[in-house]
Amino acid sequence: RAMGIKTVMITGDNPLTAKAIAAEAGVD
């Protein structure tokens, strides 16, 4: 993020699971 790069997590999980993991991992 400091380098100006946006991270996007790709997953087959449902949106609730994906949202929780994304928040914990700190992806954008």
mmCIF file of all heavy atoms, coordinates in Angstrom:
data_MODEL
# 
_entry.id   MODEL 
# 
loop_
_atom_site.group_PDB 
_atom_site.id 
_atom_site.type_symbol 
_atom_site.label_atom_id 
_atom_site.label_alt_id 
_atom_site.label_comp_id 
_atom_site.label_asym_id 
_atom_site.label_entity_id 
_atom_site.label_seq_id 
_atom_site.pdbx_PDB_ins_code 
_atom_site.Cartn_x 
_atom_site.Cartn_y 
_atom_site.Cartn_z 
_atom_site.occupancy 
_atom_site.B_iso_or_equiv 
_atom_site.pdbx_formal_charge 
_atom_site.auth_seq_id 
_atom_site.auth_comp_id 
_atom_site.auth_asym_id 
_atom_site.auth_atom_id 
_atom_site.pdbx_PDB_model_num 
ATOM 1   N N   . ARG A 1 1  ? 0.849   -1.205  0.000  1.00 0.00 ? 1  ARG A N   1 
ATOM 2   C CA  . ARG A 1 1  ? 0.000   0.000   0.000  1.00 0.00 ? 1  ARG A CA  1 
ATOM 3   C C   . ARG A 1 1  ? 0.878   1.247   0.000  1.00 0.00 ? 1  ARG A C   1 
ATOM 4   O O   . ARG A 1 1  ? 0.567   2.246   -0.661 1.00 0.00 ? 1  ARG A O   1 
ATOM 5   C CB  . ARG A 1 1  ? -0.924  -0.031  1.215  1.00 0.00 ? 1  ARG A CB  1 
ATOM 6   C CG  . ARG A 1 1  ? -2.096  0.960   1.134  1.00 0.00 ? 1  ARG A CG  1 
ATOM 7   C CD  . ARG A 1 1  ? -3.065  0.744   2.278  1.00 0.00 ? 1  ARG A CD  1 
ATOM 8   N NE  . ARG A 1 1  ? -3.675  -0.574  2.223  1.00 0.00 ? 1  ARG A NE  1 
ATOM 9   C CZ  . ARG A 1 1  ? -3.416  -1.555  3.083  1.00 0.00 ? 1  ARG A CZ  1 
ATOM 10  N NH1 . ARG A 1 1  ? -2.568  -1.368  4.074  1.00 0.00 ? 1  ARG A NH1 1 
ATOM 11  N NH2 . ARG A 1 1  ? -4.013  -2.720  2.966  1.00 0.00 ? 1  ARG A NH2 1 
ATOM 12  N N   . ALA A 1 2  ? 1.984   1.191   0.749  1.00 0.00 ? 2  ALA A N   1 
ATOM 13  C CA  . ALA A 1 2  ? 2.920   2.322   0.772  1.00 0.00 ? 2  ALA A CA  1 
ATOM 14  C C   . ALA A 1 2  ? 3.570   2.533   -0.586 1.00 0.00 ? 2  ALA A C   1 
ATOM 15  O O   . ALA A 1 2  ? 3.983   3.634   -0.929 1.00 0.00 ? 2  ALA A O   1 
ATOM 16  C CB  . ALA A 1 2  ? 3.996   2.089   1.841  1.00 0.00 ? 2  ALA A CB  1 
ATOM 17  N N   . MET A 1 3  ? 3.655   1.462   -1.371 1.00 0.00 ? 3  MET A N   1 
ATOM 18  C CA  . MET A 1 3  ? 4.209   1.550   -2.716 1.00 0.00 ? 3  MET A CA  1 
ATOM 19  C C   . MET A 1 3  ? 3.162   1.996   -3.729 1.00 0.00 ? 3  MET A C   1 
ATOM 20  O O   . MET A 1 3  ? 3.469   2.127   -4.916 1.00 0.00 ? 3  MET A O   1 
ATOM 21  C CB  . MET A 1 3  ? 4.755   0.177   -3.134 1.00 0.00 ? 3  MET A CB  1 
ATOM 22  C CG  . MET A 1 3  ? 5.943   -0.276  -2.314 1.00 0.00 ? 3  MET A CG  1 
ATOM 23  S SD  . MET A 1 3  ? 6.173   -2.096  -2.270 1.00 0.00 ? 3  MET A SD  1 
ATOM 24  C CE  . MET A 1 3  ? 6.145   -2.515  -4.000 1.00 0.00 ? 3  MET A CE  1 
ATOM 25  N N   . GLY A 1 4  ? 1.935   2.194   -3.278 1.00 0.00 ? 4  GLY A N   1 
ATOM 26  C CA  . GLY A 1 4  ? 0.872   2.608   -4.182 1.00 0.00 ? 4  GLY A CA  1 
ATOM 27  C C   . GLY A 1 4  ? 0.219   1.466   -4.922 1.00 0.00 ? 4  GLY A C   1 
ATOM 28  O O   . GLY A 1 4  ? -0.403  1.670   -5.969 1.00 0.00 ? 4  GLY A O   1 
ATOM 29  N N   . ILE A 1 5  ? 0.337   0.238   -4.390 1.00 0.00 ? 5  ILE A N   1 
ATOM 30  C CA  . ILE A 1 5  ? -0.226  -0.941  -5.047 1.00 0.00 ? 5  ILE A CA  1 
ATOM 31  C C   . ILE A 1 5  ? -1.469  -1.397  -4.292 1.00 0.00 ? 5  ILE A C   1 
ATOM 32  O O   . ILE A 1 5  ? -1.439  -1.577  -3.067 1.00 0.00 ? 5  ILE A O   1 
ATOM 33  C CB  . ILE A 1 5  ? 0.800   -2.086  -5.092 1.00 0.00 ? 5  ILE A CB  1 
ATOM 34  C CG1 . ILE A 1 5  ? 1.998   -1.666  -5.938 1.00 0.00 ? 5  ILE A CG1 1 
ATOM 35  C CG2 . ILE A 1 5  ? 0.185   -3.355  -5.655 1.00 0.00 ? 5  ILE A CG2 1 
ATOM 36  C CD1 . ILE A 1 5  ? 3.122   -2.677  -5.956 1.00 0.00 ? 5  ILE A CD1 1 
ATOM 37  N N   . LYS A 1 6  ? -2.552  -1.589  -5.026 1.00 0.00 ? 6  LYS A N   1 
ATOM 38  C CA  . LYS A 1 6  ? -3.799  -2.066  -4.439 1.00 0.00 ? 6  LYS A CA  1 
ATOM 39  C C   . LYS A 1 6  ? -3.841  -3.592  -4.499 1.00 0.00 ? 6  LYS A C   1 
ATOM 40  O O   . LYS A 1 6  ? -3.493  -4.192  -5.508 1.00 0.00 ? 6  LYS A O   1 
ATOM 41  C CB  . LYS A 1 6  ? -4.998  -1.486  -5.194 1.00 0.00 ? 6  LYS A CB  1 
ATOM 42  C CG  . LYS A 1 6  ? -6.345  -1.950  -4.656 1.00 0.00 ? 6  LYS A CG  1 
ATOM 43  C CD  . LYS A 1 6  ? -7.502  -1.199  -5.302 1.00 0.00 ? 6  LYS A CD  1 
ATOM 44  C CE  . LYS A 1 6  ? -7.664  -1.566  -6.745 1.00 0.00 ? 6  LYS A CE  1 
ATOM 45  N NZ  . LYS A 1 6  ? -8.872  -0.971  -7.348 1.00 0.00 ? 6  LYS A NZ  1 
ATOM 46  N N   . THR A 1 7  ? -4.263  -4.220  -3.398 1.00 0.00 ? 7  THR A N   1 
ATOM 47  C CA  . THR A 1 7  ? -4.345  -5.673  -3.337 1.00 0.00 ? 7  THR A CA  1 
ATOM 48  C C   . THR A 1 7  ? -5.810  -6.103  -3.361 1.00 0.00 ? 7  THR A C   1 
ATOM 49  O O   . THR A 1 7  ? -6.645  -5.538  -2.653 1.00 0.00 ? 7  THR A O   1 
ATOM 50  C CB  . THR A 1 7  ? -3.670  -6.213  -2.065 1.00 0.00 ? 7  THR A CB  1 
ATOM 51  O OG1 . THR A 1 7  ? -4.187  -5.519  -0.913 1.00 0.00 ? 7  THR A OG1 1 
ATOM 52  C CG2 . THR A 1 7  ? -2.172  -5.985  -2.130 1.00 0.00 ? 7  THR A CG2 1 
ATOM 53  N N   . VAL A 1 8  ? -6.092  -7.111  -4.176 1.00 0.00 ? 8  VAL A N   1 
ATOM 54  C CA  . VAL A 1 8  ? -7.452  -7.639  -4.307 1.00 0.00 ? 8  VAL A CA  1 
ATOM 55  C C   . VAL A 1 8  ? -7.402  -9.143  -4.059 1.00 0.00 ? 8  VAL A C   1 
ATOM 56  O O   . VAL A 1 8  ? -6.674  -9.865  -4.757 1.00 0.00 ? 8  VAL A O   1 
ATOM 57  C CB  . VAL A 1 8  ? -8.037  -7.355  -5.699 1.00 0.00 ? 8  VAL A CB  1 
ATOM 58  C CG1 . VAL A 1 8  ? -9.462  -7.903  -5.798 1.00 0.00 ? 8  VAL A CG1 1 
ATOM 59  C CG2 . VAL A 1 8  ? -8.026  -5.865  -6.000 1.00 0.00 ? 8  VAL A CG2 1 
ATOM 60  N N   . MET A 1 9  ? -8.145  -9.623  -3.077 1.00 0.00 ? 9  MET A N   1 
ATOM 61  C CA  . MET A 1 9  ? -8.195  -11.049 -2.768 1.00 0.00 ? 9  MET A CA  1 
ATOM 62  C C   . MET A 1 9  ? -9.261  -11.725 -3.620 1.00 0.00 ? 9  MET A C   1 
ATOM 63  O O   . MET A 1 9  ? -10.398 -11.271 -3.688 1.00 0.00 ? 9  MET A O   1 
ATOM 64  C CB  . MET A 1 9  ? -8.509  -11.251 -1.284 1.00 0.00 ? 9  MET A CB  1 
ATOM 65  C CG  . MET A 1 9  ? -8.519  -12.707 -0.843 1.00 0.00 ? 9  MET A CG  1 
ATOM 66  S SD  . MET A 1 9  ? -9.010  -12.902 0.894  1.00 0.00 ? 9  MET A SD  1 
ATOM 67  C CE  . MET A 1 9  ? -10.789 -12.653 0.755  1.00 0.00 ? 9  MET A CE  1 
ATOM 68  N N   . ILE A 1 10 ? -8.890  -12.825 -4.273 1.00 0.00 ? 10 ILE A N   1 
ATOM 69  C CA  . ILE A 1 10 ? -9.806  -13.599 -5.101 1.00 0.00 ? 10 ILE A CA  1 
ATOM 70  C C   . ILE A 1 10 ? -10.119 -14.899 -4.371 1.00 0.00 ? 10 ILE A C   1 
ATOM 71  O O   . ILE A 1 10 ? -9.204  -15.624 -3.968 1.00 0.00 ? 10 ILE A O   1 
ATOM 72  C CB  . ILE A 1 10 ? -9.192  -13.912 -6.476 1.00 0.00 ? 10 ILE A CB  1 
ATOM 73  C CG1 . ILE A 1 10 ? -8.717  -12.632 -7.151 1.00 0.00 ? 10 ILE A CG1 1 
ATOM 74  C CG2 . ILE A 1 10 ? -10.189 -14.655 -7.352 1.00 0.00 ? 10 ILE A CG2 1 
ATOM 75  C CD1 . ILE A 1 10 ? -9.813  -11.667 -7.485 1.00 0.00 ? 10 ILE A CD1 1 
ATOM 76  N N   . THR A 1 11 ? -11.388 -15.213 -4.194 1.00 0.00 ? 11 THR A N   1 
ATOM 77  C CA  . THR A 1 11 ? -11.770 -16.418 -3.469 1.00 0.00 ? 11 THR A CA  1 
ATOM 78  C C   . THR A 1 11 ? -13.107 -16.948 -3.962 1.00 0.00 ? 11 THR A C   1 
ATOM 79  O O   . THR A 1 11 ? -13.930 -16.194 -4.487 1.00 0.00 ? 11 THR A O   1 
ATOM 80  C CB  . THR A 1 11 ? -11.845 -16.141 -1.955 1.00 0.00 ? 11 THR A CB  1 
ATOM 81  O OG1 . THR A 1 11 ? -12.267 -17.333 -1.276 1.00 0.00 ? 11 THR A OG1 1 
ATOM 82  C CG2 . THR A 1 11 ? -12.829 -15.025 -1.655 1.00 0.00 ? 11 THR A CG2 1 
ATOM 83  N N   . GLY A 1 12 ? -13.293 -18.228 -3.783 1.00 0.00 ? 12 GLY A N   1 
ATOM 84  C CA  . GLY A 1 12 ? -14.579 -18.845 -4.097 1.00 0.00 ? 12 GLY A CA  1 
ATOM 85  C C   . GLY A 1 12 ? -15.500 -18.876 -2.900 1.00 0.00 ? 12 GLY A C   1 
ATOM 86  O O   . GLY A 1 12 ? -16.638 -19.364 -2.996 1.00 0.00 ? 12 GLY A O   1 
ATOM 87  N N   . ASP A 1 13 ? -15.053 -18.353 -1.751 1.00 0.00 ? 13 ASP A N   1 
ATOM 88  C CA  . ASP A 1 13 ? -15.885 -18.332 -0.546 1.00 0.00 ? 13 ASP A CA  1 
ATOM 89  C C   . ASP A 1 13 ? -17.074 -17.408 -0.720 1.00 0.00 ? 13 ASP A C   1 
ATOM 90  O O   . ASP A 1 13 ? -17.098 -16.530 -1.593 1.00 0.00 ? 13 ASP A O   1 
ATOM 91  C CB  . ASP A 1 13 ? -15.056 -17.868 0.662  1.00 0.00 ? 13 ASP A CB  1 
ATOM 92  C CG  . ASP A 1 13 ? -14.026 -18.915 1.077  1.00 0.00 ? 13 ASP A CG  1 
ATOM 93  O OD1 . ASP A 1 13 ? -14.214 -20.085 0.715  1.00 0.00 ? 13 ASP A OD1 1 
ATOM 94  O OD2 . ASP A 1 13 ? -13.042 -18.541 1.733  1.00 0.00 ? 13 ASP A OD2 1 
ATOM 95  N N   . ASN A 1 14 ? -18.032 -17.581 0.174  1.00 0.00 ? 14 ASN A N   1 
ATOM 96  C CA  . ASN A 1 14 ? -19.187 -16.679 0.168  1.00 0.00 ? 14 ASN A CA  1 
ATOM 97  C C   . ASN A 1 14 ? -18.748 -15.290 0.644  1.00 0.00 ? 14 ASN A C   1 
ATOM 98  O O   . ASN A 1 14 ? -17.695 -15.140 1.282  1.00 0.00 ? 14 ASN A O   1 
ATOM 99  C CB  . ASN A 1 14 ? -20.310 -17.238 1.051  1.00 0.00 ? 14 ASN A CB  1 
ATOM 100 C CG  . ASN A 1 14 ? -19.890 -17.343 2.507  1.00 0.00 ? 14 ASN A CG  1 
ATOM 101 O OD1 . ASN A 1 14 ? -19.702 -16.341 3.195  1.00 0.00 ? 14 ASN A OD1 1 
ATOM 102 N ND2 . ASN A 1 14 ? -19.726 -18.565 2.990  1.00 0.00 ? 14 ASN A ND2 1 
ATOM 103 N N   . PRO A 1 15 ? -19.533 -14.266 0.347  1.00 0.00 ? 15 PRO A N   1 
ATOM 104 C CA  . PRO A 1 15 ? -19.118 -12.889 0.681  1.00 0.00 ? 15 PRO A CA  1 
ATOM 105 C C   . PRO A 1 15 ? -18.840 -12.661 2.159  1.00 0.00 ? 15 PRO A C   1 
ATOM 106 O O   . PRO A 1 15 ? -17.931 -11.897 2.507  1.00 0.00 ? 15 PRO A O   1 
ATOM 107 C CB  . PRO A 1 15 ? -20.300 -12.047 0.201  1.00 0.00 ? 15 PRO A CB  1 
ATOM 108 C CG  . PRO A 1 15 ? -20.906 -12.854 -0.907 1.00 0.00 ? 15 PRO A CG  1 
ATOM 109 C CD  . PRO A 1 15 ? -20.748 -14.281 -0.484 1.00 0.00 ? 15 PRO A CD  1 
ATOM 110 N N   . LEU A 1 16 ? -19.597 -13.316 3.057  1.00 0.00 ? 16 LEU A N   1 
ATOM 111 C CA  . LEU A 1 16 ? -19.369 -13.115 4.494  1.00 0.00 ? 16 LEU A CA  1 
ATOM 112 C C   . LEU A 1 16 ? -17.992 -13.624 4.905  1.00 0.00 ? 16 LEU A C   1 
ATOM 113 O O   . LEU A 1 16 ? -17.245 -12.947 5.614  1.00 0.00 ? 16 LEU A O   1 
ATOM 114 C CB  . LEU A 1 16 ? -20.462 -13.826 5.295  1.00 0.00 ? 16 LEU A CB  1 
ATOM 115 C CG  . LEU A 1 16 ? -21.846 -13.156 5.325  1.00 0.00 ? 16 LEU A CG  1 
ATOM 116 C CD1 . LEU A 1 16 ? -22.836 -14.040 6.067  1.00 0.00 ? 16 LEU A CD1 1 
ATOM 117 C CD2 . LEU A 1 16 ? -21.759 -11.779 5.981  1.00 0.00 ? 16 LEU A CD2 1 
ATOM 118 N N   . THR A 1 17 ? -17.682 -14.851 4.467  1.00 0.00 ? 17 THR A N   1 
ATOM 119 C CA  . THR A 1 17 ? -16.368 -15.413 4.780  1.00 0.00 ? 17 THR A CA  1 
ATOM 120 C C   . THR A 1 17 ? -15.255 -14.576 4.159  1.00 0.00 ? 17 THR A C   1 
ATOM 121 O O   . THR A 1 17 ? -14.246 -14.274 4.796  1.00 0.00 ? 17 THR A O   1 
ATOM 122 C CB  . THR A 1 17 ? -16.282 -16.860 4.278  1.00 0.00 ? 17 THR A CB  1 
ATOM 123 O OG1 . THR A 1 17 ? -17.308 -17.632 4.893  1.00 0.00 ? 17 THR A OG1 1 
ATOM 124 C CG2 . THR A 1 17 ? -14.929 -17.468 4.597  1.00 0.00 ? 17 THR A CG2 1 
ATOM 125 N N   . ALA A 1 18 ? -15.437 -14.190 2.898  1.00 0.00 ? 18 ALA A N   1 
ATOM 126 C CA  . ALA A 1 18 ? -14.424 -13.394 2.201  1.00 0.00 ? 18 ALA A CA  1 
ATOM 127 C C   . ALA A 1 18 ? -14.203 -12.057 2.896  1.00 0.00 ? 18 ALA A C   1 
ATOM 128 O O   . ALA A 1 18 ? -13.058 -11.608 3.048  1.00 0.00 ? 18 ALA A O   1 
ATOM 129 C CB  . ALA A 1 18 ? -14.852 -13.170 0.748  1.00 0.00 ? 18 ALA A CB  1 
ATOM 130 N N   . LYS A 1 19 ? -15.265 -11.423 3.347  1.00 0.00 ? 19 LYS A N   1 
ATOM 131 C CA  . LYS A 1 19 ? -15.145 -10.127 4.004  1.00 0.00 ? 19 LYS A CA  1 
ATOM 132 C C   . LYS A 1 19 ? -14.356 -10.235 5.306  1.00 0.00 ? 19 LYS A C   1 
ATOM 133 O O   . LYS A 1 19 ? -13.509 -9.386  5.608  1.00 0.00 ? 19 LYS A O   1 
ATOM 134 C CB  . LYS A 1 19 ? -16.534 -9.557  4.276  1.00 0.00 ? 19 LYS A CB  1 
ATOM 135 C CG  . LYS A 1 19 ? -16.513 -8.177  4.914  1.00 0.00 ? 19 LYS A CG  1 
ATOM 136 C CD  . LYS A 1 19 ? -17.928 -7.651  5.116  1.00 0.00 ? 19 LYS A CD  1 
ATOM 137 C CE  . LYS A 1 19 ? -17.904 -6.262  5.763  1.00 0.00 ? 19 LYS A CE  1 
ATOM 138 N NZ  . LYS A 1 19 ? -19.274 -5.737  5.975  1.00 0.00 ? 19 LYS A NZ  1 
ATOM 139 N N   . ALA A 1 20 ? -14.637 -11.292 6.070  1.00 0.00 ? 20 ALA A N   1 
ATOM 140 C CA  . ALA A 1 20 ? -13.943 -11.464 7.343  1.00 0.00 ? 20 ALA A CA  1 
ATOM 141 C C   . ALA A 1 20 ? -12.448 -11.697 7.139  1.00 0.00 ? 20 ALA A C   1 
ATOM 142 O O   . ALA A 1 20 ? -11.612 -11.109 7.826  1.00 0.00 ? 20 ALA A O   1 
ATOM 143 C CB  . ALA A 1 20 ? -14.564 -12.631 8.114  1.00 0.00 ? 20 ALA A CB  1 
ATOM 144 N N   . ILE A 1 21 ? -12.084 -12.547 6.176  1.00 0.00 ? 21 ILE A N   1 
ATOM 145 C CA  . ILE A 1 21 ? -10.675 -12.841 5.931  1.00 0.00 ? 21 ILE A CA  1 
ATOM 146 C C   . ILE A 1 21 ? -9.965  -11.622 5.338  1.00 0.00 ? 21 ILE A C   1 
ATOM 147 O O   . ILE A 1 21 ? -8.823  -11.314 5.685  1.00 0.00 ? 21 ILE A O   1 
ATOM 148 C CB  . ILE A 1 21 ? -10.546 -14.060 5.006  1.00 0.00 ? 21 ILE A CB  1 
ATOM 149 C CG1 . ILE A 1 21 ? -11.084 -15.307 5.718  1.00 0.00 ? 21 ILE A CG1 1 
ATOM 150 C CG2 . ILE A 1 21 ? -9.096  -14.268 4.582  1.00 0.00 ? 21 ILE A CG2 1 
ATOM 151 C CD1 . ILE A 1 21 ? -11.099 -16.544 4.871  1.00 0.00 ? 21 ILE A CD1 1 
ATOM 152 N N   . ALA A 1 22 ? -10.660 -10.903 4.452  1.00 0.00 ? 22 ALA A N   1 
ATOM 153 C CA  . ALA A 1 22 ? -10.068 -9.707  3.849  1.00 0.00 ? 22 ALA A CA  1 
ATOM 154 C C   . ALA A 1 22 ? -9.755  -8.660  4.909  1.00 0.00 ? 22 ALA A C   1 
ATOM 155 O O   . ALA A 1 22 ? -8.717  -8.002  4.861  1.00 0.00 ? 22 ALA A O   1 
ATOM 156 C CB  . ALA A 1 22 ? -11.008 -9.135  2.794  1.00 0.00 ? 22 ALA A CB  1 
ATOM 157 N N   . ALA A 1 23 ? -10.669 -8.505  5.876  1.00 0.00 ? 23 ALA A N   1 
ATOM 158 C CA  . ALA A 1 23 ? -10.446 -7.531  6.942  1.00 0.00 ? 23 ALA A CA  1 
ATOM 159 C C   . ALA A 1 23 ? -9.256  -7.922  7.810  1.00 0.00 ? 23 ALA A C   1 
ATOM 160 O O   . ALA A 1 23 ? -8.446  -7.080  8.198  1.00 0.00 ? 23 ALA A O   1 
ATOM 161 C CB  . ALA A 1 23 ? -11.710 -7.401  7.793  1.00 0.00 ? 23 ALA A CB  1 
ATOM 162 N N   . GLU A 1 24 ? -9.140  -9.223  8.104  1.00 0.00 ? 24 GLU A N   1 
ATOM 163 C CA  . GLU A 1 24 ? -8.034  -9.683  8.941  1.00 0.00 ? 24 GLU A CA  1 
ATOM 164 C C   . GLU A 1 24 ? -6.695  -9.583  8.214  1.00 0.00 ? 24 GLU A C   1 
ATOM 165 O O   . GLU A 1 24 ? -5.671  -9.232  8.807  1.00 0.00 ? 24 GLU A O   1 
ATOM 166 C CB  . GLU A 1 24 ? -8.275  -11.127 9.375  1.00 0.00 ? 24 GLU A CB  1 
ATOM 167 C CG  . GLU A 1 24 ? -7.215  -11.663 10.326 1.00 0.00 ? 24 GLU A CG  1 
ATOM 168 C CD  . GLU A 1 24 ? -7.507  -13.070 10.793 1.00 0.00 ? 24 GLU A CD  1 
ATOM 169 O OE1 . GLU A 1 24 ? -8.576  -13.614 10.460 1.00 0.00 ? 24 GLU A OE1 1 
ATOM 170 O OE2 . GLU A 1 24 ? -6.657  -13.636 11.506 1.00 0.00 ? 24 GLU A OE2 1 
ATOM 171 N N   . ALA A 1 25 ? -6.697  -9.881  6.905  1.00 0.00 ? 25 ALA A N   1 
ATOM 172 C CA  . ALA A 1 25 ? -5.448  -9.859  6.138  1.00 0.00 ? 25 ALA A CA  1 
ATOM 173 C C   . ALA A 1 25 ? -5.019  -8.450  5.774  1.00 0.00 ? 25 ALA A C   1 
ATOM 174 O O   . ALA A 1 25 ? -3.843  -8.211  5.510  1.00 0.00 ? 25 ALA A O   1 
ATOM 175 C CB  . ALA A 1 25 ? -5.602  -10.691 4.873  1.00 0.00 ? 25 ALA A CB  1 
ATOM 176 N N   . GLY A 1 26 ? -5.978  -7.515  5.734  1.00 0.00 ? 26 GLY A N   1 
ATOM 177 C CA  . GLY A 1 26 ? -5.636  -6.139  5.408  1.00 0.00 ? 26 GLY A CA  1 
ATOM 178 C C   . GLY A 1 26 ? -5.566  -5.847  3.925  1.00 0.00 ? 26 GLY A C   1 
ATOM 179 O O   . GLY A 1 26 ? -4.885  -4.898  3.520  1.00 0.00 ? 26 GLY A O   1 
ATOM 180 N N   . VAL A 1 27 ? -6.263  -6.653  3.092  1.00 0.00 ? 27 VAL A N   1 
ATOM 181 C CA  . VAL A 1 27 ? -6.283  -6.352  1.661  1.00 0.00 ? 27 VAL A CA  1 
ATOM 182 C C   . VAL A 1 27 ? -7.223  -5.180  1.413  1.00 0.00 ? 27 VAL A C   1 
ATOM 183 O O   . VAL A 1 27 ? -8.106  -4.873  2.218  1.00 0.00 ? 27 VAL A O   1 
ATOM 184 C CB  . VAL A 1 27 ? -6.727  -7.577  0.830  1.00 0.00 ? 27 VAL A CB  1 
ATOM 185 C CG1 . VAL A 1 27 ? -5.722  -8.695  0.967  1.00 0.00 ? 27 VAL A CG1 1 
ATOM 186 C CG2 . VAL A 1 27 ? -8.114  -8.045  1.233  1.00 0.00 ? 27 VAL A CG2 1 
ATOM 187 N N   . ASP A 1 28 ? -7.036  -4.535  0.267  1.00 0.00 ? 28 ASP A N   1 
ATOM 188 C CA  . ASP A 1 28 ? -7.829  -3.350  -0.044 1.00 0.00 ? 28 ASP A CA  1 
ATOM 189 C C   . ASP A 1 28 ? -9.214  -3.687  -0.567 1.00 0.00 ? 28 ASP A C   1 
ATOM 190 O O   . ASP A 1 28 ? -10.146 -2.907  -0.408 1.00 0.00 ? 28 ASP A O   1 
ATOM 191 C CB  . ASP A 1 28 ? -7.092  -2.494  -1.075 1.00 0.00 ? 28 ASP A CB  1 
ATOM 192 C CG  . ASP A 1 28 ? -5.739  -2.030  -0.566 1.00 0.00 ? 28 ASP A CG  1 
ATOM 193 O OD1 . ASP A 1 28 ? -5.702  -1.453  0.535  1.00 0.00 ? 28 ASP A OD1 1 
ATOM 194 O OD2 . ASP A 1 28 ? -4.730  -2.257  -1.249 1.00 0.00 ? 28 ASP A OD2 1 
# 
